[in-house]
Amino acid sequence: MHRGVMQDEAVPASPLPAPARVAPAHPGELVDAVVGWFASDARDLPWRAPDRTPWGVLVSEVMLQQTPVVRVEPVWRAWLARWPEPRDLAAAGTDEVLRAWGRLGYPRRALRLQQCARVLVERHGGEVPEDEELLRALPGVGEYTAAAVRAFAFGRRAVVVDTNVRRVLARTLTGAALPPPHPTAAERELARSVVPGTDEAAARWAAASMELGALVCTARAPRCAECPVAALCAWRAAGYPADEHAGRRRTQAWHGTDRQVRGRIMALLREAVGPVPLEIVEQLEAPRDQLARCLDSLVADGLARLDESTDPPAVTLP
């Protein structure tokens, strides 16, 4: 079977010749180079603006999970215009929230964000806390999101490690094409050792290293000729070895999957002005048993409601 480039296979779009010798990058040297590049090349994103709020940062981090910036930015702007504070979202109807989420995907994130808003109102006076442990106790907020909010909303020192940061550190410091499929204790320790000691410098490094991974040190086509740390990169020095973990990675299919069918059902419900007869849902393009399974899962997740007391039975947003 012909094997093309896998989704996570790293192939430099603009490779540089491997130098005769590269001294191992010192973390401080790496940080300075990446932060210096960020000062001139960072994207102008609304959740980085001086007037950003901790709530706005939290909303952006939830929306950006597995979703590109270009899709998130217009939804984020509309969301913050409609619900500028946690108490605004907490009081909204669930159907409003799911419609506003639109086609960002993974709509359970919208429900968790509303649950988070309600907890913020109930326990924190409607304010996003600065403490990392308090952040991690919020619905839908895990290790990464808590650290990111602490760094980007409050400018405090935190170890912010997403897939972009993992990739930058793997290439520059360990010489690997890509990090392992799942984070390891060694990776966390490496990331912790690189973070500067002061709040301001650490927050800047968090944003800069993520941006470098998103724009230059990308997974499939890294732009090595444009990289500000090419001279420090252990992966380049090793001659761009292939991904040693390629066999352990799973590519995500889309066409014909339950996720695609769930998306079709949600799109139908969002666009409807009232209850959708079950027979209309069953006419969507998918096998009948898959439609039934996906509708059941949406109901179980609290994303849809099936009313069998009506004639005919109907499906609505909750």
Foldseek 3Di string as FASTA:
>chain_A
DDDDADPQWADAQAADAADPDADADDLVNVLVLLLVCCVPDPDDAPCQDPPHALLLLLVQVLLPVVADPVVVRVLSVVVCVQQVFLVSLLPDDQLVQLLSNPPSAPSLSSVQSNQQSVCCVVPPVRGQDLDLVVQCPRGPDHQQSSQLSNCRRVLFAGLHDDQQLQCVCCFLRVLALGDAPDDDPVSSVSSVVSQDDGSNSNSSSNSSSSRCSVPASDRYHHHLVPDSCNSRTSNSNVVNDIHPNVVVDDDDDDPQDLSNLLSVLSNVQSPDPDWAQPVVQCPPPHDNVSSVVSVVVCVVSQQKDWAVVDVNITIHGD
